[in-house]
N, C-alpha and C. Protein backbone atom coordinates (compact mmCIF):
# COMPACT_ATOMS: atom_id res chain seq x y z
N MET A 1 0.83 -1.20 0.00
CA MET A 1 0.00 0.00 0.00
C MET A 1 0.87 1.25 0.00
N MET A 2 1.97 1.21 0.75
CA MET A 2 2.82 2.40 0.82
C MET A 2 3.44 2.72 -0.53
N ARG A 3 3.75 1.71 -1.31
CA ARG A 3 4.32 1.94 -2.64
C ARG A 3 3.31 2.69 -3.51
N VAL A 4 2.05 2.31 -3.43
CA VAL A 4 1.00 2.96 -4.22
C VAL A 4 0.86 4.42 -3.80
N ILE A 5 0.82 4.67 -2.50
CA ILE A 5 0.69 6.04 -1.99
C ILE A 5 1.91 6.87 -2.40
N ALA A 6 3.10 6.31 -2.23
CA ALA A 6 4.32 7.05 -2.55
C ALA A 6 4.41 7.39 -4.04
N ASN A 7 3.82 6.57 -4.90
CA ASN A 7 3.86 6.82 -6.34
C ASN A 7 2.70 7.68 -6.84
N ASP A 8 1.78 8.02 -5.97
CA ASP A 8 0.65 8.89 -6.33
C ASP A 8 1.15 10.34 -6.35
N GLN A 9 1.07 10.97 -7.50
CA GLN A 9 1.59 12.34 -7.65
C GLN A 9 0.80 13.37 -6.84
N ASN A 10 -0.40 13.02 -6.40
CA ASN A 10 -1.20 13.93 -5.59
C ASN A 10 -0.82 13.88 -4.11
N MET A 11 -0.02 12.90 -3.73
CA MET A 11 0.37 12.74 -2.33
C MET A 11 1.66 13.52 -2.07
N ARG A 12 1.72 14.09 -0.89
CA ARG A 12 2.89 14.86 -0.45
C ARG A 12 3.69 14.05 0.55
N SER A 13 4.85 14.53 0.91
CA SER A 13 5.68 13.80 1.88
C SER A 13 4.97 13.68 3.23
N ALA A 14 4.21 14.69 3.62
CA ALA A 14 3.45 14.62 4.87
C ALA A 14 2.41 13.50 4.81
N ASP A 15 1.79 13.32 3.65
CA ASP A 15 0.77 12.27 3.48
C ASP A 15 1.41 10.90 3.67
N ILE A 16 2.60 10.73 3.11
CA ILE A 16 3.30 9.45 3.22
C ILE A 16 3.68 9.18 4.68
N ALA A 17 4.15 10.19 5.37
CA ALA A 17 4.52 10.03 6.79
C ALA A 17 3.31 9.66 7.63
N VAL A 18 2.18 10.32 7.39
CA VAL A 18 0.96 10.04 8.15
C VAL A 18 0.45 8.63 7.82
N ALA A 19 0.50 8.24 6.56
CA ALA A 19 0.08 6.89 6.17
C ALA A 19 0.93 5.84 6.87
N ASN A 20 2.23 6.08 6.98
CA ASN A 20 3.11 5.15 7.70
C ASN A 20 2.69 4.98 9.14
N VAL A 21 2.36 6.08 9.79
CA VAL A 21 1.94 6.03 11.20
C VAL A 21 0.61 5.28 11.33
N LEU A 22 -0.33 5.57 10.43
CA LEU A 22 -1.61 4.88 10.49
C LEU A 22 -1.45 3.37 10.31
N LEU A 23 -0.64 2.98 9.34
CA LEU A 23 -0.43 1.55 9.09
C LEU A 23 0.29 0.89 10.25
N ALA A 24 1.22 1.58 10.88
CA ALA A 24 1.93 1.03 12.03
C ALA A 24 1.03 0.92 13.26
N SER A 25 -0.07 1.67 13.27
CA SER A 25 -0.97 1.71 14.42
C SER A 25 -2.21 0.83 14.25
N LEU A 26 -2.25 0.04 13.18
CA LEU A 26 -3.43 -0.79 12.93
C LEU A 26 -3.64 -1.80 14.06
N ASP A 27 -4.89 -1.92 14.48
CA ASP A 27 -5.29 -2.94 15.44
C ASP A 27 -5.64 -4.19 14.62
N PRO A 28 -4.90 -5.28 14.79
CA PRO A 28 -5.16 -6.45 13.95
C PRO A 28 -6.55 -7.05 14.14
N GLY A 29 -7.12 -6.88 15.31
CA GLY A 29 -8.46 -7.41 15.56
C GLY A 29 -9.54 -6.64 14.84
N ARG A 30 -9.44 -5.32 14.86
CA ARG A 30 -10.45 -4.46 14.23
C ARG A 30 -10.12 -4.13 12.79
N GLY A 31 -8.83 -4.10 12.47
CA GLY A 31 -8.42 -3.76 11.11
C GLY A 31 -8.39 -2.27 10.84
N ASP A 32 -8.34 -1.46 11.90
CA ASP A 32 -8.25 -0.02 11.73
C ASP A 32 -7.31 0.57 12.76
N ALA A 33 -6.97 1.83 12.56
CA ALA A 33 -6.09 2.54 13.50
C ALA A 33 -6.91 3.59 14.23
N GLN A 34 -6.83 3.58 15.55
CA GLN A 34 -7.47 4.61 16.36
C GLN A 34 -6.35 5.35 17.07
N ILE A 35 -6.02 6.52 16.53
CA ILE A 35 -4.90 7.29 17.02
C ILE A 35 -5.26 8.77 16.94
N SER A 36 -4.89 9.52 17.94
CA SER A 36 -5.24 10.94 17.98
C SER A 36 -4.37 11.76 17.05
N HIS A 37 -4.88 12.89 16.67
CA HIS A 37 -4.10 13.81 15.83
C HIS A 37 -2.82 14.25 16.54
N PRO A 38 -2.88 14.61 17.84
CA PRO A 38 -1.63 14.99 18.52
C PRO A 38 -0.59 13.87 18.53
N GLU A 39 -1.04 12.63 18.64
CA GLU A 39 -0.10 11.51 18.63
C GLU A 39 0.54 11.35 17.25
N ILE A 40 -0.26 11.55 16.19
CA ILE A 40 0.29 11.50 14.84
C ILE A 40 1.32 12.62 14.67
N CYS A 41 1.01 13.80 15.19
CA CYS A 41 1.96 14.93 15.15
C CYS A 41 3.26 14.56 15.84
N ARG A 42 3.15 13.95 17.01
CA ARG A 42 4.34 13.58 17.78
C ARG A 42 5.19 12.57 17.01
N ARG A 43 4.53 11.59 16.40
CA ARG A 43 5.28 10.53 15.71
C ARG A 43 5.88 10.99 14.38
N THR A 44 5.26 11.96 13.74
CA THR A 44 5.75 12.41 12.43
C THR A 44 6.58 13.69 12.51
N GLY A 45 6.41 14.47 13.58
CA GLY A 45 7.07 15.77 13.67
C GLY A 45 6.37 16.85 12.86
N LEU A 46 5.15 16.56 12.41
CA LEU A 46 4.37 17.51 11.60
C LEU A 46 3.46 18.34 12.49
N SER A 47 3.06 19.50 11.98
CA SER A 47 2.10 20.34 12.69
C SER A 47 0.70 19.73 12.58
N LEU A 48 -0.18 20.18 13.44
CA LEU A 48 -1.56 19.69 13.43
C LEU A 48 -2.24 19.98 12.09
N GLY A 49 -2.00 21.16 11.52
CA GLY A 49 -2.59 21.51 10.23
C GLY A 49 -2.12 20.59 9.11
N LYS A 50 -0.81 20.25 9.13
CA LYS A 50 -0.28 19.34 8.10
C LYS A 50 -0.85 17.94 8.27
N VAL A 51 -1.01 17.50 9.51
CA VAL A 51 -1.59 16.17 9.75
C VAL A 51 -3.04 16.13 9.28
N ARG A 52 -3.81 17.14 9.61
CA ARG A 52 -5.21 17.18 9.18
C ARG A 52 -5.32 17.20 7.66
N GLY A 53 -4.48 17.99 7.00
CA GLY A 53 -4.48 18.04 5.55
C GLY A 53 -4.10 16.69 4.95
N ALA A 54 -3.11 16.04 5.53
CA ALA A 54 -2.69 14.72 5.04
C ALA A 54 -3.81 13.70 5.20
N LEU A 55 -4.49 13.73 6.33
CA LEU A 55 -5.60 12.79 6.55
C LEU A 55 -6.72 13.03 5.53
N ARG A 56 -6.99 14.29 5.23
CA ARG A 56 -8.02 14.60 4.22
C ARG A 56 -7.61 14.07 2.84
N ARG A 57 -6.36 14.29 2.47
CA ARG A 57 -5.90 13.82 1.15
C ARG A 57 -5.87 12.30 1.07
N LEU A 58 -5.46 11.64 2.15
CA LEU A 58 -5.45 10.18 2.15
C LEU A 58 -6.86 9.61 2.03
N ALA A 59 -7.83 10.25 2.69
CA ALA A 59 -9.22 9.81 2.58
C ALA A 59 -9.78 10.12 1.19
N ALA A 60 -9.50 11.31 0.68
CA ALA A 60 -10.00 11.70 -0.65
C ALA A 60 -9.39 10.83 -1.74
N GLY A 61 -8.16 10.38 -1.54
CA GLY A 61 -7.50 9.52 -2.51
C GLY A 61 -7.98 8.08 -2.46
N GLY A 62 -8.83 7.77 -1.47
CA GLY A 62 -9.37 6.42 -1.35
C GLY A 62 -8.45 5.45 -0.63
N TYR A 63 -7.43 5.96 0.05
CA TYR A 63 -6.48 5.08 0.73
C TYR A 63 -6.96 4.67 2.12
N PHE A 64 -7.68 5.57 2.80
CA PHE A 64 -8.20 5.28 4.13
C PHE A 64 -9.65 5.75 4.22
N ALA A 65 -10.47 4.96 4.90
CA ALA A 65 -11.83 5.37 5.23
C ALA A 65 -11.80 5.93 6.64
N VAL A 66 -12.49 7.03 6.86
CA VAL A 66 -12.58 7.64 8.18
C VAL A 66 -13.86 7.14 8.83
N ILE A 67 -13.72 6.55 10.01
CA ILE A 67 -14.87 6.02 10.75
C ILE A 67 -15.12 6.95 11.93
N GLU A 68 -16.24 7.64 11.87
CA GLU A 68 -16.60 8.57 12.95
C GLU A 68 -17.04 7.78 14.18
N PRO A 69 -16.87 8.33 15.37
CA PRO A 69 -17.32 7.61 16.57
C PRO A 69 -18.84 7.47 16.58
N SER A 70 -19.30 6.34 17.08
CA SER A 70 -20.74 6.09 17.15
C SER A 70 -21.34 6.88 18.31
N GLY A 71 -22.64 6.92 18.37
CA GLY A 71 -23.32 7.57 19.48
C GLY A 71 -22.93 6.95 20.81
N ARG A 72 -22.78 5.63 20.82
CA ARG A 72 -22.38 4.93 22.04
C ARG A 72 -20.96 5.34 22.43
N ASP A 73 -20.06 5.41 21.44
CA ASP A 73 -18.69 5.85 21.72
C ASP A 73 -18.69 7.24 22.34
N LEU A 74 -19.45 8.15 21.73
CA LEU A 74 -19.51 9.52 22.24
C LEU A 74 -20.07 9.56 23.66
N TYR A 75 -21.07 8.75 23.93
CA TYR A 75 -21.69 8.70 25.26
C TYR A 75 -20.65 8.32 26.31
N TYR A 76 -19.77 7.38 25.97
CA TYR A 76 -18.75 6.92 26.91
C TYR A 76 -17.46 7.73 26.83
N GLY A 77 -17.48 8.85 26.10
CA GLY A 77 -16.35 9.77 26.08
C GLY A 77 -15.27 9.48 25.05
N ASP A 78 -15.56 8.56 24.13
CA ASP A 78 -14.58 8.25 23.08
C ASP A 78 -14.91 9.06 21.84
N HIS A 79 -14.13 10.10 21.59
CA HIS A 79 -14.38 11.01 20.47
C HIS A 79 -13.41 10.79 19.31
N ALA A 80 -12.57 9.75 19.42
CA ALA A 80 -11.53 9.54 18.41
C ALA A 80 -12.09 8.92 17.13
N ARG A 81 -11.60 9.40 16.02
CA ARG A 81 -11.92 8.78 14.73
C ARG A 81 -11.00 7.59 14.55
N ARG A 82 -11.45 6.68 13.71
CA ARG A 82 -10.62 5.52 13.35
C ARG A 82 -10.38 5.59 11.84
N TYR A 83 -9.28 5.02 11.42
CA TYR A 83 -8.88 5.06 10.01
C TYR A 83 -8.65 3.64 9.52
N ARG A 84 -9.43 3.23 8.52
CA ARG A 84 -9.33 1.88 7.97
C ARG A 84 -8.72 1.92 6.59
N PRO A 85 -7.65 1.14 6.35
CA PRO A 85 -7.07 1.11 5.00
C PRO A 85 -8.06 0.55 3.99
N GLN A 86 -8.05 1.12 2.80
CA GLN A 86 -8.97 0.69 1.75
C GLN A 86 -8.30 -0.17 0.69
N LEU A 87 -6.98 -0.33 0.79
CA LEU A 87 -6.23 -1.20 -0.11
C LEU A 87 -5.62 -2.30 0.75
N GLU A 88 -5.19 -3.38 0.11
CA GLU A 88 -4.51 -4.44 0.84
C GLU A 88 -3.25 -3.91 1.48
N VAL A 89 -3.06 -4.21 2.73
CA VAL A 89 -1.88 -3.75 3.47
C VAL A 89 -0.75 -4.73 3.25
């Protein structure tokens, strides 16, 4: 998957760094990554704005699906989005 993202001319270096973090954070049981934006910033060294932009481009490119928290998740205080790869990892 990383080879495909890296060869996509619409992807930037920040997008590749964020994709690496998401793939490294995958939960094998659920098949998605639940990681906060500040944690992605810490792991990549990117600003919050660059991380948010990279996540938008990765989702728009069809590489990751963004899963919003359910009503139950919100009720119990879990506001984190999850990111599921859309290509074979």
